[in-house]
PDB file of N, CA and C in Angstrom:
ATOM      1  N   UNK A   1     -38.730  58.705 -29.106  1.00  0.00           N
ATOM      2  CA  UNK A   1     -39.571  58.407 -30.251  1.00  0.00           C
ATOM      3  C   UNK A   1     -39.062  59.063 -31.536  1.00  0.00           C
ATOM      4  N   UNK A   2     -38.592  60.288 -31.401  1.00  0.00           N
ATOM      5  CA  UNK A   2     -38.140  61.002 -32.596  1.00  0.00           C
ATOM      6  C   UNK A   2     -36.944  60.311 -33.249  1.00  0.00           C
ATOM      7  N   UNK A   3     -36.000  59.849 -32.441  1.00  0.00           N
ATOM      8  CA  UNK A   3     -34.813  59.193 -33.005  1.00  0.00           C
ATOM      9  C   UNK A   3     -35.218  57.943 -33.784  1.00  0.00           C
ATOM     10  N   UNK A   4     -36.104  57.140 -33.219  1.00  0.00           N
ATOM     11  CA  UNK A   4     -36.570  55.943 -33.914  1.00  0.00           C
ATOM     12  C   UNK A   4     -37.328  56.279 -35.180  1.00  0.00           C
ATOM     13  N   UNK A   5     -38.170  57.305 -35.097  1.00  0.00           N
ATOM     14  CA  UNK A   5     -38.932  57.724 -36.275  1.00  0.00           C
ATOM     15  C   UNK A   5     -38.003  58.233 -37.370  1.00  0.00           C
ATOM     16  N   UNK A   6     -36.988  58.972 -36.978  1.00  0.00           N
ATOM     17  CA  UNK A   6     -36.062  59.513 -37.971  1.00  0.00           C
ATOM     18  C   UNK A   6     -35.238  58.405 -38.617  1.00  0.00           C
ATOM     19  N   UNK A   7     -34.819  57.435 -37.827  1.00  0.00           N
ATOM     20  CA  UNK A   7     -34.077  56.302 -38.402  1.00  0.00           C
ATOM     21  C   UNK A   7     -34.944  55.539 -39.399  1.00  0.00           C
ATOM     22  N   UNK A   8     -36.201  55.341 -39.048  1.00  0.00           N
ATOM     23  CA  UNK A   8     -37.124  54.657 -39.961  1.00  0.00           C
ATOM     24  C   UNK A   8     -37.338  55.494 -41.220  1.00  0.00           C
ATOM     25  N   UNK A   9     -37.428  56.813 -41.057  1.00  0.00           N
ATOM     26  CA  UNK A   9     -37.628  57.683 -42.212  1.00  0.00           C
ATOM     27  C   UNK A   9     -36.410  57.627 -43.146  1.00  0.00           C
ATOM     28  N   UNK A  10     -35.199  57.626 -42.585  1.00  0.00           N
ATOM     29  CA  UNK A  10     -33.987  57.545 -43.412  1.00  0.00           C
ATOM     30  C   UNK A  10     -33.975  56.234 -44.194  1.00  0.00           C
ATOM     31  N   UNK A  11     -34.369  55.147 -43.544  1.00  0.00           N
ATOM     32  CA  UNK A  11     -34.442  53.858 -44.244  1.00  0.00           C
ATOM     33  C   UNK A  11     -35.470  53.926 -45.367  1.00  0.00           C
ATOM     34  N   UNK A  12     -36.625  54.553 -45.097  1.00  0.00           N
ATOM     35  CA  UNK A  12     -37.642  54.734 -46.139  1.00  0.00           C
ATOM     36  C   UNK A  12     -37.086  55.573 -47.285  1.00  0.00           C
ATOM     37  N   UNK A  13     -36.453  56.702 -46.948  1.00  0.00           N
ATOM     38  CA  UNK A  13     -35.920  57.594 -47.978  1.00  0.00           C
ATOM     39  C   UNK A  13     -34.944  56.863 -48.888  1.00  0.00           C
ATOM     40  N   UNK A  14     -34.034  56.117 -48.284  1.00  0.00           N
ATOM     41  CA  UNK A  14     -33.036  55.406 -49.074  1.00  0.00           C
ATOM     42  C   UNK A  14     -33.679  54.342 -49.967  1.00  0.00           C
ATOM     43  N   UNK A  15     -34.649  53.609 -49.429  1.00  0.00           N
ATOM     44  CA  UNK A  15     -35.335  52.582 -50.223  1.00  0.00           C
ATOM     45  C   UNK A  15     -36.164  53.215 -51.335  1.00  0.00           C
ATOM     46  N   UNK A  16     -36.854  54.299 -51.026  1.00  0.00           N
ATOM     47  CA  UNK A  16     -37.673  54.987 -52.030  1.00  0.00           C
ATOM     48  C   UNK A  16     -36.804  55.519 -53.162  1.00  0.00           C
ATOM     49  N   UNK A  17     -35.673  56.106 -52.820  1.00  0.00           N
ATOM     50  CA  UNK A  17     -34.802  56.651 -53.858  1.00  0.00           C
ATOM     51  C   UNK A  17     -34.148  55.547 -54.681  1.00  0.00           C
ATOM     52  N   UNK A  18     -33.830  54.429 -54.054  1.00  0.00           N
ATOM     53  CA  UNK A  18     -33.300  53.291 -54.812  1.00  0.00           C
ATOM     54  C   UNK A  18     -34.355  52.792 -55.791  1.00  0.00           C
ATOM     55  N   UNK A  19     -35.609  52.759 -55.350  1.00  0.00           N
ATOM     56  CA  UNK A  19     -36.699  52.348 -56.234  1.00  0.00           C
ATOM     57  C   UNK A  19     -36.863  53.339 -57.386  1.00  0.00           C
ATOM     58  N   UNK A  20     -36.896  54.630 -57.060  1.00  0.00           N
ATOM     59  CA  UNK A  20     -37.071  55.650 -58.096  1.00  0.00           C
ATOM     60  C   UNK A  20     -35.901  55.671 -59.077  1.00  0.00           C
ATOM     61  N   UNK A  21     -34.709  55.365 -58.578  1.00  0.00           N
ATOM     62  CA  UNK A  21     -33.531  55.374 -59.437  1.00  0.00           C
ATOM     63  C   UNK A  21     -33.469  54.197 -60.390  1.00  0.00           C
ATOM     64  N   UNK A  22     -34.209  53.145 -60.059  1.00  0.00           N
ATOM     65  CA  UNK A  22     -34.199  51.956 -60.897  1.00  0.00           C
ATOM     66  C   UNK A  22     -32.920  51.161 -60.707  1.00  0.00           C
ATOM     67  N   UNK A  23     -32.774  50.109 -61.471  1.00  0.00           N
ATOM     68  CA  UNK A  23     -31.567  49.282 -61.352  1.00  0.00           C
ATOM     69  C   UNK A  23     -30.318  50.109 -61.677  1.00  0.00           C
ATOM     70  N   UNK A  24     -29.340  50.128 -60.766  1.00  0.00           N
ATOM     71  CA  UNK A  24     -28.141  50.946 -60.998  1.00  0.00           C
ATOM     72  C   UNK A  24     -27.419  50.607 -62.301  1.00  0.00           C
ATOM     73  N   UNK A  25     -27.420  49.343 -62.686  1.00  0.00           N
ATOM     74  CA  UNK A  25     -26.707  48.965 -63.909  1.00  0.00           C
ATOM     75  C   UNK A  25     -27.399  49.467 -65.171  1.00  0.00           C
ATOM     76  N   UNK A  26     -28.660  49.879 -65.055  1.00  0.00           N
ATOM     77  CA  UNK A  26     -29.376  50.398 -66.223  1.00  0.00           C
ATOM     78  C   UNK A  26     -29.386  51.926 -66.257  1.00  0.00           C
ATOM     79  N   UNK A  27     -29.029  52.560 -65.132  1.00  0.00           N
ATOM     80  CA  UNK A  27     -29.100  54.016 -65.053  1.00  0.00           C
ATOM     81  C   UNK A  27     -27.831  54.696 -65.540  1.00  0.00           C
ATOM     82  N   UNK A  28     -26.748  53.981 -65.565  1.00  0.00           N
ATOM     83  CA  UNK A  28     -25.500  54.547 -66.058  1.00  0.00           C
ATOM     84  C   UNK A  28     -24.915  55.599 -65.134  1.00  0.00           C
ATOM     85  N   UNK A  29     -24.189  56.530 -65.737  1.00  0.00           N
ATOM     86  CA  UNK A  29     -23.461  57.529 -64.955  1.00  0.00           C
ATOM     87  C   UNK A  29     -24.377  58.538 -64.267  1.00  0.00           C
ATOM     88  N   UNK A  30     -25.632  58.598 -64.663  1.00  0.00           N
ATOM     89  CA  UNK A  30     -26.588  59.524 -64.045  1.00  0.00           C
ATOM     90  C   UNK A  30     -27.123  59.011 -62.716  1.00  0.00           C
ATOM     91  N   UNK A  31     -26.924  57.739 -62.427  1.00  0.00           N
ATOM     92  CA  UNK A  31     -27.515  57.126 -61.234  1.00  0.00           C
ATOM     93  C   UNK A  31     -27.205  57.888 -59.942  1.00  0.00           C
ATOM     94  N   UNK A  32     -25.939  58.232 -59.665  1.00  0.00           N
ATOM     95  CA  UNK A  32     -25.674  58.965 -58.419  1.00  0.00           C
ATOM     96  C   UNK A  32     -26.406  60.299 -58.338  1.00  0.00           C
ATOM     97  N   UNK A  33     -26.545  60.983 -59.466  1.00  0.00           N
ATOM     98  CA  UNK A  33     -27.248  62.269 -59.466  1.00  0.00           C
ATOM     99  C   UNK A  33     -28.746  62.085 -59.263  1.00  0.00           C
ATOM    100  N   UNK A  34     -29.304  61.031 -59.834  1.00  0.00           N
ATOM    101  CA  UNK A  34     -30.724  60.737 -59.641  1.00  0.00           C
ATOM    102  C   UNK A  34     -30.998  60.445 -58.171  1.00  0.00           C
ATOM    103  N   UNK A  35     -30.151  59.636 -57.560  1.00  0.00           N
ATOM    104  CA  UNK A  35     -30.311  59.291 -56.149  1.00  0.00           C
ATOM    105  C   UNK A  35     -30.156  60.537 -55.281  1.00  0.00           C
ATOM    106  N   UNK A  36     -29.145  61.344 -55.557  1.00  0.00           N
ATOM    107  CA  UNK A  36     -28.916  62.563 -54.776  1.00  0.00           C
ATOM    108  C   UNK A  36     -30.093  63.526 -54.905  1.00  0.00           C
ATOM    109  N   UNK A  37     -30.626  63.677 -56.099  1.00  0.00           N
ATOM    110  CA  UNK A  37     -31.779  64.555 -56.297  1.00  0.00           C
ATOM    111  C   UNK A  37     -33.006  64.065 -55.563  1.00  0.00           C
ATOM    112  N   UNK A  38     -33.215  62.766 -55.582  1.00  0.00           N
ATOM    113  CA  UNK A  38     -34.342  62.175 -54.866  1.00  0.00           C
ATOM    114  C   UNK A  38     -34.201  62.411 -53.368  1.00  0.00           C
ATOM    115  N   UNK A  39     -33.011  62.137 -52.834  1.00  0.00           N
ATOM    116  CA  UNK A  39     -32.784  62.329 -51.398  1.00  0.00           C
ATOM    117  C   UNK A  39     -32.958  63.793 -51.005  1.00  0.00           C
ATOM    118  N   UNK A  40     -32.499  64.696 -51.858  1.00  0.00           N
ATOM    119  CA  UNK A  40     -32.664  66.119 -51.579  1.00  0.00           C
ATOM    120  C   UNK A  40     -34.144  66.489 -51.518  1.00  0.00           C
ATOM    121  N   UNK A  41     -34.908  66.013 -52.471  1.00  0.00           N
ATOM    122  CA  UNK A  41     -36.337  66.318 -52.521  1.00  0.00           C
ATOM    123  C   UNK A  41     -37.074  65.778 -51.299  1.00  0.00           C
ATOM    124  N   UNK A  42     -36.830  64.512 -50.970  1.00  0.00           N
ATOM    125  CA  UNK A  42     -37.509  63.925 -49.817  1.00  0.00           C
ATOM    126  C   UNK A  42     -37.065  64.578 -48.514  1.00  0.00           C
ATOM    127  N   UNK A  43     -35.791  64.948 -48.421  1.00  0.00           N
ATOM    128  CA  UNK A  43     -35.296  65.612 -47.215  1.00  0.00           C
ATOM    129  C   UNK A  43     -35.916  66.993 -47.064  1.00  0.00           C
ATOM    130  N   UNK A  44     -36.057  67.725 -48.153  1.00  0.00           N
ATOM    131  CA  UNK A  44     -36.723  69.032 -48.083  1.00  0.00           C
ATOM    132  C   UNK A  44     -38.170  68.882 -47.629  1.00  0.00           C
ATOM    133  N   UNK A  45     -38.847  67.842 -48.101  1.00  0.00           N
ATOM    134  CA  UNK A  45     -40.216  67.587 -47.642  1.00  0.00           C
ATOM    135  C   UNK A  45     -40.240  67.254 -46.156  1.00  0.00           C
ATOM    136  N   UNK A  46     -39.252  66.500 -45.696  1.00  0.00           N
ATOM    137  CA  UNK A  46     -39.173  66.151 -44.269  1.00  0.00           C
ATOM    138  C   UNK A  46     -38.948  67.405 -43.427  1.00  0.00           C
ATOM    139  N   UNK A  47     -38.112  68.307 -43.917  1.00  0.00           N
ATOM    140  CA  UNK A  47     -37.893  69.563 -43.203  1.00  0.00           C
ATOM    141  C   UNK A  47     -39.185  70.363 -43.084  1.00  0.00           C
ATOM    142  N   UNK A  48     -39.990  70.359 -44.130  1.00  0.00           N
ATOM    143  CA  UNK A  48     -41.288  71.037 -44.072  1.00  0.00           C
ATOM    144  C   UNK A  48     -42.184  70.388 -43.024  1.00  0.00           C
ATOM    145  N   UNK A  49     -42.118  69.058 -42.918  1.00  0.00           N
ATOM    146  CA  UNK A  49     -42.878  68.363 -41.877  1.00  0.00           C
ATOM    147  C   UNK A  49     -42.460  68.850 -40.498  1.00  0.00           C
ATOM    148  N   UNK A  50     -41.152  68.927 -40.258  1.00  0.00           N
ATOM    149  CA  UNK A  50     -40.667  69.385 -38.954  1.00  0.00           C
ATOM    150  C   UNK A  50     -41.079  70.825 -38.685  1.00  0.00           C
ATOM    151  N   UNK A  51     -41.028  71.665 -39.705  1.00  0.00           N
ATOM    152  CA  UNK A  51     -41.462  73.053 -39.520  1.00  0.00           C
ATOM    153  C   UNK A  51     -42.927  73.091 -39.114  1.00  0.00           C
ATOM    154  N   UNK A  52     -43.732  72.246 -39.722  1.00  0.00           N
ATOM    155  CA  UNK A  52     -45.139  72.157 -39.348  1.00  0.00           C
ATOM    156  C   UNK A  52     -45.316  71.700 -37.913  1.00  0.00           C
ATOM    157  N   UNK A  53     -44.477  70.771 -37.466  1.00  0.00           N
ATOM    158  CA  UNK A  53     -44.552  70.323 -36.072  1.00  0.00           C
ATOM    159  C   UNK A  53     -44.257  71.474 -35.117  1.00  0.00           C
ATOM    160  N   UNK A  54     -43.317  72.318 -35.492  1.00  0.00           N
ATOM    161  CA  UNK A  54     -42.933  73.427 -34.618  1.00  0.00           C
ATOM    162  C   UNK A  54     -43.926  74.575 -34.660  1.00  0.00           C
ATOM    163  N   UNK A  55     -44.755  74.628 -35.683  1.00  0.00           N
ATOM    164  CA  UNK A  55     -45.723  75.716 -35.837  1.00  0.00           C
ATOM    165  C   UNK A  55     -47.139  75.317 -35.440  1.00  0.00           C
ATOM    166  N   UNK A  56     -47.273  74.253 -34.678  1.00  0.00           N
ATOM    167  CA  UNK A  56     -48.607  73.795 -34.274  1.00  0.00           C
ATOM    168  C   UNK A  56     -49.325  74.866 -33.454  1.00  0.00           C
ATOM    169  N   UNK A  57     -50.605  74.933 -33.654  1.00  0.00           N
ATOM    170  CA  UNK A  57     -51.425  75.861 -32.886  1.00  0.00           C
ATOM    171  C   UNK A  57     -51.705  75.284 -31.503  1.00  0.00           C
ATOM    172  N   UNK A  58     -51.819  76.141 -30.526  1.00  0.00           N
ATOM    173  CA  UNK A  58     -52.137  75.703 -29.172  1.00  0.00           C
ATOM    174  C   UNK A  58     -53.456  74.943 -29.183  1.00  0.00           C
ATOM    175  N   UNK A  59     -53.468  73.809 -28.515  1.00  0.00           N
ATOM    176  CA  UNK A  59     -54.671  72.990 -28.444  1.00  0.00           C
ATOM    177  C   UNK A  59     -54.792  71.958 -29.545  1.00  0.00           C
ATOM    178  N   UNK A  60     -53.874  71.955 -30.497  1.00  0.00           N
ATOM    179  CA  UNK A  60     -53.906  70.973 -31.585  1.00  0.00           C
ATOM    180  C   UNK A  60     -53.424  69.638 -31.034  1.00  0.00           C
ATOM    181  N   UNK A  61     -54.346  68.729 -30.790  1.00  0.00           N
ATOM    182  CA  UNK A  61     -53.997  67.447 -30.179  1.00  0.00           C
ATOM    183  C   UNK A  61     -53.298  66.490 -31.147  1.00  0.00           C
ATOM    184  N   UNK A  62     -53.277  66.806 -32.429  1.00  0.00           N
ATOM    185  CA  UNK A  62     -52.586  65.945 -33.394  1.00  0.00           C
ATOM    186  C   UNK A  62     -51.110  66.314 -33.539  1.00  0.00           C
ATOM    187  N   UNK A  63     -50.681  67.358 -32.871  1.00  0.00           N
ATOM    188  CA  UNK A  63     -49.301  67.824 -32.979  1.00  0.00           C
ATOM    189  C   UNK A  63     -48.391  66.999 -32.069  1.00  0.00           C
ATOM    190  N   UNK A  64     -47.297  66.432 -32.608  1.00  0.00           N
ATOM    191  CA  UNK A  64     -46.409  65.620 -31.784  1.00  0.00           C
ATOM    192  C   UNK A  64     -45.502  66.439 -30.864  1.00  0.00           C
ATOM    193  N   UNK A  65     -45.409  67.749 -31.104  1.00  0.00           N
ATOM    194  CA  UNK A  65     -44.550  68.608 -30.294  1.00  0.00           C
ATOM    195  C   UNK A  65     -45.436  69.590 -29.539  1.00  0.00           C
ATOM    196  N   UNK A  66     -45.415  69.542 -28.202  1.00  0.00           N
ATOM    197  CA  UNK A  66     -46.259  70.474 -27.452  1.00  0.00           C
ATOM    198  C   UNK A  66     -45.818  71.918 -27.674  1.00  0.00           C
ATOM    199  N   UNK A  67     -46.771  72.821 -27.670  1.00  0.00           N
ATOM    200  CA  UNK A  67     -46.451  74.237 -27.840  1.00  0.00           C
ATOM    201  C   UNK A  67     -45.808  74.767 -26.570  1.00  0.00           C
ATOM    202  N   UNK A  68     -44.894  75.707 -26.744  1.00  0.00           N
ATOM    203  CA  UNK A  68     -44.227  76.322 -25.593  1.00  0.00           C
ATOM    204  C   UNK A  68     -45.198  77.278 -24.908  1.00  0.00           C
ATOM    205  N   UNK A  69     -45.117  77.360 -23.589  1.00  0.00           N
ATOM    206  CA  UNK A  69     -46.031  78.278 -22.868  1.00  0.00           C
ATOM    207  C   UNK A  69     -45.747  79.729 -23.160  1.00  0.00           C
TER     208      UNK A  69
END
């Protein structure tokens, strides 16, 4: 499940950053930096999500990663 979710997230990230960057022909030489900054921001947010998954409290049924015994 995680591999599929991550692939879908990467597709979302790329589409979202393309949207935020606007039409490449109108963005000029800044376009690659805008896209890179967007991807960095979304990836950092994704890392925070994973950290939250690993820090779930015991008994939290909404956590996708079971707590270690």
